[in-house]
Amino acid sequence: MEGGCTCGHVRYRLAGKPLIVHACHCSWCQRETGTAHALNALYEANRVEHLKAEPEFIQTPTASGRGQRIARCPNCKVAIWSNYPQAGPMVRFVRVGTMDSPGEYPPDIHIFTSSKLPWVTFPDGARVVAESYKLDEVWSDEAKERRRIMRDRAAKK
């Protein structure tokens, strides 16, 4: 899968499938994206290949008080991905809407639905949680193994 910003200055290629895809309905994501929720595909940083220009990084506040680092195109300012303190620089929360074929990555789970907009509804069978979730209960075995490998590599550095 490839993707990029609106003006085409920042382009990327993703290796393989995401660890998981979150639709986050928290009020912070609503405000930041200007829409009902953020849709992020989580990828290890080493699975995101830069094909053109490098993004610029903007630090923004979050409800946790720890902030997030958003990678944006330096020209059109479109948000390409974020890094959150709990995952650090190892995991990129890639904005699904920046992918060339975003329809290929529907949400695996809807999180922080306790603050969803009242008119948002979920399809039958959708995995929905009021706040966050326990990774071991939700992530696939493959994603958990990729996470273990990523953490082992980081510990060796």
Protein backbone atom coordinates (compact mmCIF):
# COMPACT_ATOMS: atom_id res chain seq x y z
CA MET A 1 0.00 0.00 0.00
CA GLU A 2 1.22 3.48 -0.82
CA GLY A 3 -0.07 6.84 0.22
CA GLY A 4 0.77 10.44 0.86
CA CYS A 5 -0.44 13.96 1.41
CA THR A 6 -2.84 15.94 -0.75
CA CYS A 7 -0.21 17.84 -2.73
CA GLY A 8 1.97 14.74 -3.32
CA HIS A 9 5.09 16.18 -1.70
CA VAL A 10 5.19 13.47 1.00
CA ARG A 11 4.75 9.89 -0.22
CA TYR A 12 5.20 6.59 1.60
CA ARG A 13 4.97 2.83 1.09
CA LEU A 14 3.71 0.44 3.77
CA ALA A 15 5.12 -3.07 4.09
CA GLY A 16 2.49 -5.68 4.86
CA LYS A 17 -0.69 -5.36 6.85
CA PRO A 18 -1.14 -3.02 9.81
CA LEU A 19 -0.84 -4.33 13.35
CA ILE A 20 -4.42 -3.13 13.88
CA VAL A 21 -6.70 -0.36 12.64
CA HIS A 22 -8.35 1.90 15.24
CA ALA A 23 -11.31 4.20 14.77
CA CYS A 24 -10.87 6.54 17.73
CA HIS A 25 -13.98 8.45 18.76
CA CYS A 26 -12.45 10.49 21.59
CA SER A 27 -13.25 14.20 21.64
CA TRP A 28 -9.57 15.07 21.11
CA CYS A 29 -9.47 13.10 17.82
CA GLN A 30 -12.76 14.67 16.78
CA ARG A 31 -11.36 18.15 17.33
CA GLU A 32 -7.99 17.44 15.76
CA THR A 33 -9.36 15.82 12.61
CA GLY A 34 -12.43 18.03 12.33
CA THR A 35 -14.62 14.97 11.90
CA ALA A 36 -16.35 12.18 13.83
CA HIS A 37 -13.25 10.07 14.52
CA ALA A 38 -9.65 9.41 13.60
CA LEU A 39 -8.91 6.28 11.58
CA ASN A 40 -5.36 5.03 12.17
CA ALA A 41 -3.53 1.95 10.90
CA LEU A 42 -0.72 1.05 13.29
CA TYR A 43 2.60 0.13 11.64
CA GLU A 44 6.08 -0.43 12.91
CA ALA A 45 8.23 2.55 11.87
CA ASN A 46 10.54 0.30 9.87
CA ARG A 47 7.56 -0.79 7.73
CA VAL A 48 6.92 2.79 6.59
CA GLU A 49 9.23 3.67 3.70
CA HIS A 50 9.58 7.32 2.69
CA LEU A 51 9.38 7.66 -1.09
CA LYS A 52 9.66 11.42 -1.45
CA ALA A 53 10.09 14.35 0.94
CA GLU A 54 10.31 13.99 4.70
CA PRO A 55 7.39 15.25 6.78
CA GLU A 56 7.68 17.96 9.40
CA PHE A 57 6.80 17.11 12.99
CA ILE A 58 4.41 19.05 15.16
CA GLN A 59 3.93 18.38 18.87
CA THR A 60 0.29 18.74 19.93
CA PRO A 61 -1.45 18.32 23.30
CA THR A 62 -3.53 15.28 24.23
CA ALA A 63 -5.98 14.41 27.00
CA SER A 64 -3.24 12.37 28.72
CA GLY A 65 -1.07 15.47 28.97
CA ARG A 66 1.79 13.64 27.22
CA GLY A 67 1.06 14.97 23.74
CA GLN A 68 1.48 13.41 20.33
CA ARG A 69 3.97 14.02 17.55
CA ILE A 70 2.21 14.49 14.21
CA ALA A 71 4.04 14.04 10.90
CA ARG A 72 2.64 16.57 8.43
CA CYS A 73 3.49 17.59 4.91
CA PRO A 74 5.56 20.78 5.12
CA ASN A 75 3.62 22.18 2.13
CA CYS A 76 -0.07 21.25 2.43
CA LYS A 77 0.07 20.45 6.19
CA VAL A 78 -1.93 17.21 5.86
CA ALA A 79 -1.36 14.86 8.81
CA ILE A 80 0.25 11.63 7.57
CA TRP A 81 0.82 9.79 10.88
CA SER A 82 1.25 10.32 14.60
CA ASN A 83 3.52 8.94 17.27
CA TYR A 84 2.06 8.66 20.76
CA PRO A 85 4.13 8.48 23.97
CA GLN A 86 2.77 5.06 24.98
CA ALA A 87 4.05 3.50 21.71
CA GLY A 88 6.93 5.90 21.14
CA PRO A 89 8.71 6.38 17.81
CA MET A 90 8.57 2.64 17.05
CA VAL A 91 4.87 2.70 16.04
CA ARG A 92 3.31 5.04 13.51
CA PHE A 93 -0.42 5.62 13.63
CA VAL A 94 -0.84 6.13 9.88
CA ARG A 95 -3.93 8.12 8.84
CA VAL A 96 -5.91 5.68 6.71
CA GLY A 97 -7.33 8.54 4.66
CA THR A 98 -3.84 9.30 3.32
CA MET A 99 -3.56 5.82 1.78
CA ASP A 100 -4.10 5.50 -1.96
CA SER A 101 -6.78 2.82 -1.31
CA PRO A 102 -8.16 3.63 2.16
CA GLY A 103 -11.16 1.34 1.70
CA GLU A 104 -8.85 -1.64 2.13
CA TYR A 105 -8.38 -0.90 5.83
CA PRO A 106 -11.69 -0.63 7.70
CA PRO A 107 -11.45 -0.36 11.49
CA ASP A 108 -10.74 -3.54 13.44
CA ILE A 109 -12.03 -1.82 16.56
CA HIS A 110 -13.82 1.39 17.55
CA ILE A 111 -12.27 2.90 20.69
CA PHE A 112 -13.32 5.65 23.11
CA THR A 113 -16.90 5.31 21.94
CA SER A 114 -18.14 6.71 25.26
CA SER A 115 -17.50 10.13 23.70
CA LYS A 116 -18.66 9.36 20.17
CA LEU A 117 -20.97 11.80 18.46
CA PRO A 118 -24.60 10.86 19.14
CA TRP A 119 -25.48 10.23 15.50
CA VAL A 120 -22.60 7.79 14.88
CA THR A 121 -23.78 4.20 14.53
CA PHE A 122 -21.78 1.01 14.13
CA PRO A 123 -22.35 -1.83 11.69
CA ASP A 124 -23.59 -5.15 13.04
CA GLY A 125 -20.69 -7.18 14.35
CA ALA A 126 -18.32 -4.22 14.79
CA ARG A 127 -15.94 -4.49 17.73
CA VAL A 128 -16.74 -1.51 19.96
CA VAL A 129 -15.27 -0.51 23.35
CA ALA A 130 -16.18 2.41 25.58
CA GLU A 131 -12.56 3.44 26.22
CA SER A 132 -9.40 1.48 25.44
CA TYR A 133 -8.77 -2.27 25.40
CA LYS A 134 -6.29 -4.91 26.47
CA LEU A 135 -3.92 -5.52 23.59
CA ASP A 136 -3.58 -9.24 24.36
CA GLU A 137 -7.35 -9.65 24.04
CA VAL A 138 -7.73 -7.80 20.73
CA TRP A 139 -4.59 -7.98 18.60
CA SER A 140 -4.02 -10.97 16.33
CA ASP A 141 -1.29 -13.46 17.20
CA GLU A 142 0.71 -12.19 14.22
CA ALA A 143 0.47 -8.58 15.42
CA LYS A 144 1.48 -9.57 18.95
CA GLU A 145 4.53 -11.40 17.57
CA ARG A 146 5.50 -8.38 15.44
CA ARG A 147 5.17 -6.22 18.54
CA ARG A 148 7.41 -8.59 20.51
CA ILE A 149 10.06 -8.46 17.76
CA MET A 150 9.86 -4.66 17.61
CA ARG A 151 10.27 -4.36 21.39
CA ASP A 152 13.18 -6.82 21.44
CA ARG A 153 14.99 -4.79 18.75
CA ALA A 154 14.40 -1.57 20.69
CA ALA A 155 15.74 -3.13 23.90
CA LYS A 156 18.99 -4.09 22.13
CA LYS A 157 19.70 -0.52 21.01
